[in-house]
Each structure stands twice: as structure tokens, then as C-alpha cells.
Amino acid sequence: MTEAKPPNVTGWLLEEAKEKLLAAGWAVESINLSLAPQGVYEEDGFLRVARQRIVGDGRVALAVVRECRVRV
């Protein structure tokens, strides 16, 4: 049975966040990647959850960001 609210996974690594949501009975409907405008990205940079929102019964959408170095 799905909890009334999904667990808060903001700031978590994407894979860990998906596991936590699934264990609580929530499905991830979509994942949107956002990039910092001045970032220098590594191919293997980690993805972290920046925002989550409920999009339907037992479903959430996640916005993620790739960890990066900032150009100065």
C-alpha cells in the first residue's frame, strides 16, 4: 500500500532515491535532468535529486542535477 506522502529523497543519489521510493510503494514516472549553465561535467558525475513532486496516485516525478565543477 502506498503511503499518503512519498519519502523525501531530495539531495539523495538518484539510484538510492529510486530504491527508497519503490520500497515505500511509489513509482518514478519521469526523471528530468537539469544542468548548471556554468558547469563542467564529467561523464561519470553522480546524479542527485533536486526536486520531487507527486504527479498522480502513487507516482512521482524527479528533477535531477549532475554533480559538476563550476567554471570561474
PDB file of N, CA and C in Angstrom:
ATOM      1  N   MET A   1       0.838  -1.186   0.000  1.00  0.00           N
ATOM      2  CA  MET A   1       0.000   0.000   0.000  1.00  0.00           C
ATOM      3  C   MET A   1       0.884   1.251   0.000  1.00  0.00           C
ATOM      4  N   THR A   2       0.539   2.223  -0.797  1.00  0.00           N
ATOM      5  CA  THR A   2       1.287   3.466  -0.921  1.00  0.00           C
ATOM      6  C   THR A   2       1.006   4.369   0.278  1.00  0.00           C
ATOM      7  N   GLU A   3       2.080   4.960   0.823  1.00  0.00           N
ATOM      8  CA  GLU A   3       1.925   5.919   1.905  1.00  0.00           C
ATOM      9  C   GLU A   3       1.252   7.182   1.354  1.00  0.00           C
ATOM     10  N   ALA A   4       0.678   8.009   2.236  1.00  0.00           N
ATOM     11  CA  ALA A   4      -0.008   9.229   1.810  1.00  0.00           C
ATOM     12  C   ALA A   4       0.946  10.207   1.139  1.00  0.00           C
ATOM     13  N   LYS A   5       2.178  10.282   1.615  1.00  0.00           N
ATOM     14  CA  LYS A   5       3.195  11.140   1.027  1.00  0.00           C
ATOM     15  C   LYS A   5       4.431  10.298   0.752  1.00  0.00           C
ATOM     16  N   PRO A   6       5.119  10.592  -0.343  1.00  0.00           N
ATOM     17  CA  PRO A   6       6.348   9.834  -0.618  1.00  0.00           C
ATOM     18  C   PRO A   6       7.445  10.262   0.352  1.00  0.00           C
ATOM     19  N   PRO A   7       8.423   9.387   0.602  1.00  0.00           N
ATOM     20  CA  PRO A   7       9.554   9.803   1.424  1.00  0.00           C
ATOM     21  C   PRO A   7      10.306  10.934   0.721  1.00  0.00           C
ATOM     22  N   ASN A   8      10.852  11.849   1.487  1.00  0.00           N
ATOM     23  CA  ASN A   8      11.598  12.966   0.920  1.00  0.00           C
ATOM     24  C   ASN A   8      12.987  12.470   0.513  1.00  0.00           C
ATOM     25  N   VAL A   9      13.258  12.456  -0.784  1.00  0.00           N
ATOM     26  CA  VAL A   9      14.550  11.976  -1.283  1.00  0.00           C
ATOM     27  C   VAL A   9      15.372  13.100  -1.913  1.00  0.00           C
ATOM     28  N   THR A  10      14.989  14.351  -1.656  1.00  0.00           N
ATOM     29  CA  THR A  10      15.741  15.494  -2.173  1.00  0.00           C
ATOM     30  C   THR A  10      17.164  15.449  -1.626  1.00  0.00           C
ATOM     31  N   GLY A  11      18.135  15.563  -2.537  1.00  0.00           N
ATOM     32  CA  GLY A  11      19.543  15.514  -2.153  1.00  0.00           C
ATOM     33  C   GLY A  11      20.160  14.126  -2.240  1.00  0.00           C
ATOM     34  N   TRP A  12      19.348  13.118  -2.392  1.00  0.00           N
ATOM     35  CA  TRP A  12      19.842  11.742  -2.472  1.00  0.00           C
ATOM     36  C   TRP A  12      20.402  11.465  -3.866  1.00  0.00           C
ATOM     37  N   LEU A  13      21.304  10.494  -3.941  1.00  0.00           N
ATOM     38  CA  LEU A  13      21.745   9.984  -5.237  1.00  0.00           C
ATOM     39  C   LEU A  13      20.540   9.344  -5.913  1.00  0.00           C
ATOM     40  N   LEU A  14      20.454   9.453  -7.227  1.00  0.00           N
ATOM     41  CA  LEU A  14      19.274   9.002  -7.956  1.00  0.00           C
ATOM     42  C   LEU A  14      18.948   7.534  -7.705  1.00  0.00           C
ATOM     43  N   GLU A  15      19.923   6.662  -7.801  1.00  0.00           N
ATOM     44  CA  GLU A  15      19.637   5.226  -7.637  1.00  0.00           C
ATOM     45  C   GLU A  15      19.120   4.910  -6.239  1.00  0.00           C
ATOM     46  N   GLU A  16      19.712   5.543  -5.218  1.00  0.00           N
ATOM     47  CA  GLU A  16      19.247   5.322  -3.845  1.00  0.00           C
ATOM     48  C   GLU A  16      17.845   5.878  -3.654  1.00  0.00           C
ATOM     49  N   ALA A  17      17.561   7.030  -4.272  1.00  0.00           N
ATOM     50  CA  ALA A  17      16.239   7.637  -4.177  1.00  0.00           C
ATOM     51  C   ALA A  17      15.179   6.732  -4.804  1.00  0.00           C
ATOM     52  N   LYS A  18      15.479   6.177  -5.977  1.00  0.00           N
ATOM     53  CA  LYS A  18      14.519   5.286  -6.638  1.00  0.00           C
ATOM     54  C   LYS A  18      14.242   4.053  -5.781  1.00  0.00           C
ATOM     55  N   GLU A  19      15.271   3.492  -5.158  1.00  0.00           N
ATOM     56  CA  GLU A  19      15.088   2.320  -4.286  1.00  0.00           C
ATOM     57  C   GLU A  19      14.201   2.661  -3.093  1.00  0.00           C
ATOM     58  N   LYS A  20      14.452   3.811  -2.468  1.00  0.00           N
ATOM     59  CA  LYS A  20      13.667   4.233  -1.301  1.00  0.00           C
ATOM     60  C   LYS A  20      12.204   4.453  -1.684  1.00  0.00           C
ATOM     61  N   LEU A  21      11.963   5.114  -2.810  1.00  0.00           N
ATOM     62  CA  LEU A  21      10.588   5.346  -3.255  1.00  0.00           C
ATOM     63  C   LEU A  21       9.886   4.031  -3.568  1.00  0.00           C
ATOM     64  N   LEU A  22      10.559   3.139  -4.264  1.00  0.00           N
ATOM     65  CA  LEU A  22       9.973   1.846  -4.608  1.00  0.00           C
ATOM     66  C   LEU A  22       9.620   1.050  -3.349  1.00  0.00           C
ATOM     67  N   ALA A  23      10.517   1.067  -2.362  1.00  0.00           N
ATOM     68  CA  ALA A  23      10.263   0.353  -1.115  1.00  0.00           C
ATOM     69  C   ALA A  23       9.043   0.904  -0.373  1.00  0.00           C
ATOM     70  N   ALA A  24       8.752   2.198  -0.564  1.00  0.00           N
ATOM     71  CA  ALA A  24       7.600   2.825   0.077  1.00  0.00           C
ATOM     72  C   ALA A  24       6.332   2.705  -0.767  1.00  0.00           C
ATOM     73  N   GLY A  25       6.431   2.054  -1.931  1.00  0.00           N
ATOM     74  CA  GLY A  25       5.258   1.842  -2.771  1.00  0.00           C
ATOM     75  C   GLY A  25       5.018   2.919  -3.812  1.00  0.00           C
ATOM     76  N   TRP A  26       6.021   3.762  -4.069  1.00  0.00           N
ATOM     77  CA  TRP A  26       5.887   4.838  -5.047  1.00  0.00           C
ATOM     78  C   TRP A  26       6.649   4.496  -6.311  1.00  0.00           C
ATOM     79  N   ALA A  27       6.095   4.873  -7.456  1.00  0.00           N
ATOM     80  CA  ALA A  27       6.752   4.655  -8.746  1.00  0.00           C
ATOM     81  C   ALA A  27       7.285   5.990  -9.261  1.00  0.00           C
ATOM     82  N   VAL A  28       8.432   5.937  -9.934  1.00  0.00           N
ATOM     83  CA  VAL A  28       9.004   7.136 -10.546  1.00  0.00           C
ATOM     84  C   VAL A  28       8.472   7.210 -11.968  1.00  0.00           C
ATOM     85  N   GLU A  29       7.650   8.217 -12.243  1.00  0.00           N
ATOM     86  CA  GLU A  29       7.042   8.367 -13.564  1.00  0.00           C
ATOM     87  C   GLU A  29       8.001   9.011 -14.561  1.00  0.00           C
ATOM     88  N   SER A  30       8.754  10.007 -14.101  1.00  0.00           N
ATOM     89  CA  SER A  30       9.678  10.680 -15.011  1.00  0.00           C
ATOM     90  C   SER A  30      10.880  11.211 -14.238  1.00  0.00           C
ATOM     91  N   ILE A  31      11.982  11.351 -14.980  1.00  0.00           N
ATOM     92  CA  ILE A  31      13.215  11.908 -14.442  1.00  0.00           C
ATOM     93  C   ILE A  31      13.680  12.971 -15.427  1.00  0.00           C
ATOM     94  N   ASN A  32      13.786  14.214 -14.956  1.00  0.00           N
ATOM     95  CA  ASN A  32      14.221  15.318 -15.810  1.00  0.00           C
ATOM     96  C   ASN A  32      15.585  15.798 -15.346  1.00  0.00           C
ATOM     97  N   LEU A  33      16.531  15.877 -16.288  1.00  0.00           N
ATOM     98  CA  LEU A  33      17.888  16.305 -15.991  1.00  0.00           C
ATOM     99  C   LEU A  33      18.020  17.808 -16.190  1.00  0.00           C
ATOM    100  N   SER A  34      18.594  18.484 -15.211  1.00  0.00           N
ATOM    101  CA  SER A  34      18.862  19.915 -15.298  1.00  0.00           C
ATOM    102  C   SER A  34      20.367  20.113 -15.198  1.00  0.00           C
ATOM    103  N   LEU A  35      20.895  21.065 -15.950  1.00  0.00           N
ATOM    104  CA  LEU A  35      22.332  21.317 -15.947  1.00  0.00           C
ATOM    105  C   LEU A  35      22.610  22.747 -15.538  1.00  0.00           C
ATOM    106  N   ALA A  36      23.643  22.955 -14.736  1.00  0.00           N
ATOM    107  CA  ALA A  36      24.050  24.303 -14.347  1.00  0.00           C
ATOM    108  C   ALA A  36      24.670  24.984 -15.563  1.00  0.00           C
ATOM    109  N   PRO A  37      24.372  26.247 -15.799  1.00  0.00           N
ATOM    110  CA  PRO A  37      24.863  26.920 -17.009  1.00  0.00           C
ATOM    111  C   PRO A  37      26.377  27.086 -17.060  1.00  0.00           C
ATOM    112  N   GLN A  38      27.049  27.158 -15.937  1.00  0.00           N
ATOM    113  CA  GLN A  38      28.500  27.347 -15.921  1.00  0.00           C
ATOM    114  C   GLN A  38      29.244  26.092 -15.501  1.00  0.00           C
ATOM    115  N   GLY A  39      28.592  24.960 -15.536  1.00  0.00           N
ATOM    116  CA  GLY A  39      29.212  23.732 -15.053  1.00  0.00           C
ATOM    117  C   GLY A  39      30.120  23.062 -16.055  1.00  0.00           C
ATOM    118  N   VAL A  40      31.101  22.334 -15.554  1.00  0.00           N
ATOM    119  CA  VAL A  40      31.956  21.467 -16.351  1.00  0.00           C
ATOM    120  C   VAL A  40      31.625  20.060 -15.887  1.00  0.00           C
ATOM    121  N   TYR A  41      31.057  19.254 -16.773  1.00  0.00           N
ATOM    122  CA  TYR A  41      30.514  17.966 -16.381  1.00  0.00           C
ATOM    123  C   TYR A  41      31.444  16.826 -16.740  1.00  0.00           C
ATOM    124  N   GLU A  42      31.531  15.884 -15.825  1.00  0.00           N
ATOM    125  CA  GLU A  42      32.268  14.652 -16.057  1.00  0.00           C
ATOM    126  C   GLU A  42      31.248  13.611 -16.528  1.00  0.00           C
ATOM    127  N   GLU A  43      31.663  12.731 -17.412  1.00  0.00           N
ATOM    128  CA  GLU A  43      30.744  11.699 -17.912  1.00  0.00           C
ATOM    129  C   GLU A  43      30.181  10.839 -16.792  1.00  0.00           C
ATOM    130  N   ASP A  44      30.985  10.582 -15.776  1.00  0.00           N
ATOM    131  CA  ASP A  44      30.550   9.690 -14.707  1.00  0.00           C
ATOM    132  C   ASP A  44      30.085  10.455 -13.469  1.00  0.00           C
ATOM    133  N   GLY A  45      29.739  11.733 -13.624  1.00  0.00           N
ATOM    134  CA  GLY A  45      29.264  12.526 -12.489  1.00  0.00           C
ATOM    135  C   GLY A  45      27.980  11.946 -11.928  1.00  0.00           C
ATOM    136  N   PHE A  46      27.845  12.011 -10.632  1.00  0.00           N
ATOM    137  CA  PHE A  46      26.671  11.458  -9.968  1.00  0.00           C
ATOM    138  C   PHE A  46      25.441  12.312 -10.235  1.00  0.00           C
ATOM    139  N   LEU A  47      24.278  11.676 -10.283  1.00  0.00           N
ATOM    140  CA  LEU A  47      23.009  12.377 -10.409  1.00  0.00           C
ATOM    141  C   LEU A  47      22.363  12.447  -9.027  1.00  0.00           C
ATOM    142  N   ARG A  48      21.941  13.658  -8.630  1.00  0.00           N
ATOM    143  CA  ARG A  48      21.273  13.855  -7.345  1.00  0.00           C
ATOM    144  C   ARG A  48      19.894  14.449  -7.579  1.00  0.00           C
ATOM    145  N   VAL A  49      18.958  14.071  -6.716  1.00  0.00           N
ATOM    146  CA  VAL A  49      17.593  14.577  -6.799  1.00  0.00           C
ATOM    147  C   VAL A  49      17.570  16.019  -6.289  1.00  0.00           C
ATOM    148  N   ALA A  50      17.113  16.934  -7.138  1.00  0.00           N
ATOM    149  CA  ALA A  50      16.999  18.344  -6.763  1.00  0.00           C
ATOM    150  C   ALA A  50      15.570  18.694  -6.341  1.00  0.00           C
ATOM    151  N   ARG A  51      14.592  17.979  -6.923  1.00  0.00           N
ATOM    152  CA  ARG A  51      13.187  18.250  -6.608  1.00  0.00           C
ATOM    153  C   ARG A  51      12.362  17.008  -6.889  1.00  0.00           C
ATOM    154  N   GLN A  52      11.323  16.832  -6.116  1.00  0.00           N
ATOM    155  CA  GLN A  52      10.369  15.755  -6.378  1.00  0.00           C
ATOM    156  C   GLN A  52       8.969  16.319  -6.235  1.00  0.00           C
ATOM    157  N   ARG A  53       8.061  15.760  -7.027  1.00  0.00           N
ATOM    158  CA  ARG A  53       6.668  16.182  -6.907  1.00  0.00           C
ATOM    159  C   ARG A  53       5.756  15.011  -7.222  1.00  0.00           C
ATOM    160  N   ILE A  54       4.608  15.007  -6.599  1.00  0.00           N
ATOM    161  CA  ILE A  54       3.602  13.969  -6.829  1.00  0.00           C
ATOM    162  C   ILE A  54       2.885  14.306  -8.123  1.00  0.00           C
ATOM    163  N   VAL A  55       2.788  13.322  -9.037  1.00  0.00           N
ATOM    164  CA  VAL A  55       2.120  13.555 -10.318  1.00  0.00           C
ATOM    165  C   VAL A  55       0.869  12.705 -10.490  1.00  0.00           C
ATOM    166  N   GLY A  56       0.593  11.862  -9.544  1.00  0.00           N
ATOM    167  CA  GLY A  56      -0.589  11.012  -9.623  1.00  0.00           C
ATOM    168  C   GLY A  56      -0.598  10.059  -8.454  1.00  0.00           C
ATOM    169  N   ASP A  57      -1.580   9.189  -8.444  1.00  0.00           N
ATOM    170  CA  ASP A  57      -1.710   8.228  -7.355  1.00  0.00           C
ATOM    171  C   ASP A  57      -0.511   7.282  -7.318  1.00  0.00           C
ATOM    172  N   GLY A  58       0.333   7.450  -6.323  1.00  0.00           N
ATOM    173  CA  GLY A  58       1.484   6.572  -6.153  1.00  0.00           C
ATOM    174  C   GLY A  58       2.619   6.817  -7.129  1.00  0.00           C
ATOM    175  N   ARG A  59       2.627   7.978  -7.794  1.00  0.00           N
ATOM    176  CA  ARG A  59       3.658   8.282  -8.792  1.00  0.00           C
ATOM    177  C   ARG A  59       4.287   9.642  -8.513  1.00  0.00           C
ATOM    178  N   VAL A  60       5.599   9.707  -8.708  1.00  0.00           N
ATOM    179  CA  VAL A  60       6.323  10.957  -8.526  1.00  0.00           C
ATOM    180  C   VAL A  60       7.172  11.260  -9.754  1.00  0.00           C
ATOM    181  N   ALA A  61       7.480  12.538  -9.930  1.00  0.00           N
ATOM    182  CA  ALA A  61       8.425  12.985 -10.951  1.00  0.00           C
ATOM    183  C   ALA A  61       9.636  13.538 -10.210  1.00  0.00           C
ATOM    184  N   LEU A  62      10.815  13.237 -10.725  1.00  0.00           N
ATOM    185  CA  LEU A  62      12.047  13.714 -10.108  1.00  0.00           C
ATOM    186  C   LEU A  62      12.789  14.635 -11.064  1.00  0.00           C
ATOM    187  N   ALA A  63      13.347  15.708 -10.524  1.00  0.00           N
ATOM    188  CA  ALA A  63      14.265  16.571 -11.267  1.00  0.00           C
ATOM    189  C   ALA A  63      15.636  16.304 -10.657  1.00  0.00           C
ATOM    190  N   VAL A  64      16.599  15.997 -11.506  1.00  0.00           N
ATOM    191  CA  VAL A  64      17.936  15.661 -11.020  1.00  0.00           C
ATOM    192  C   VAL A  64      18.975  16.604 -11.623  1.00  0.00           C
ATOM    193  N   VAL A  65      20.092  16.720 -10.928  1.00  0.00           N
ATOM    194  CA  VAL A  65      21.226  17.506 -11.422  1.00  0.00           C
ATOM    195  C   VAL A  65      22.463  16.624 -11.391  1.00  0.00           C
ATOM    196  N   ARG A  66      23.344  16.860 -12.350  1.00  0.00           N
ATOM    197  CA  ARG A  66      24.610  16.127 -12.386  1.00  0.00           C
ATOM    198  C   ARG A  66      25.635  16.933 -11.610  1.00  0.00           C
ATOM    199  N   GLU A  67      26.357  16.259 -10.732  1.00  0.00           N
ATOM    200  CA  GLU A  67      27.421  16.938  -9.995  1.00  0.00           C
ATOM    201  C   GLU A  67      28.469  17.420 -10.986  1.00  0.00           C
ATOM    202  N   CYS A  68      28.972  18.617 -10.748  1.00  0.00           N
ATOM    203  CA  CYS A  68      29.922  19.205 -11.688  1.00  0.00           C
ATOM    204  C   CYS A  68      30.898  20.126 -10.969  1.00  0.00           C
ATOM    205  N   ARG A  69      31.912  20.536 -11.706  1.00  0.00           N
ATOM    206  CA  ARG A  69      32.806  21.590 -11.249  1.00  0.00           C
ATOM    207  C   ARG A  69      32.308  22.887 -11.856  1.00  0.00           C
ATOM    208  N   VAL A  70      32.445  23.971 -11.152  1.00  0.00           N
ATOM    209  CA  VAL A  70      31.972  25.257 -11.657  1.00  0.00           C
ATOM    210  C   VAL A  70      33.149  26.013 -12.248  1.00  0.00           C
ATOM    211  N   ARG A  71      32.962  26.494 -13.489  1.00  0.00           N
ATOM    212  CA  ARG A  71      33.986  27.307 -14.155  1.00  0.00           C
ATOM    213  C   ARG A  71      33.987  28.698 -13.547  1.00  0.00           C
ATOM    214  N   VAL A  72      35.165  29.235 -13.362  1.00  0.00           N
ATOM    215  CA  VAL A  72      35.273  30.617 -12.870  1.00  0.00           C
ATOM    216  C   VAL A  72      36.054  31.465 -13.830  1.00  0.00           C
TER     217      VAL A  72
END
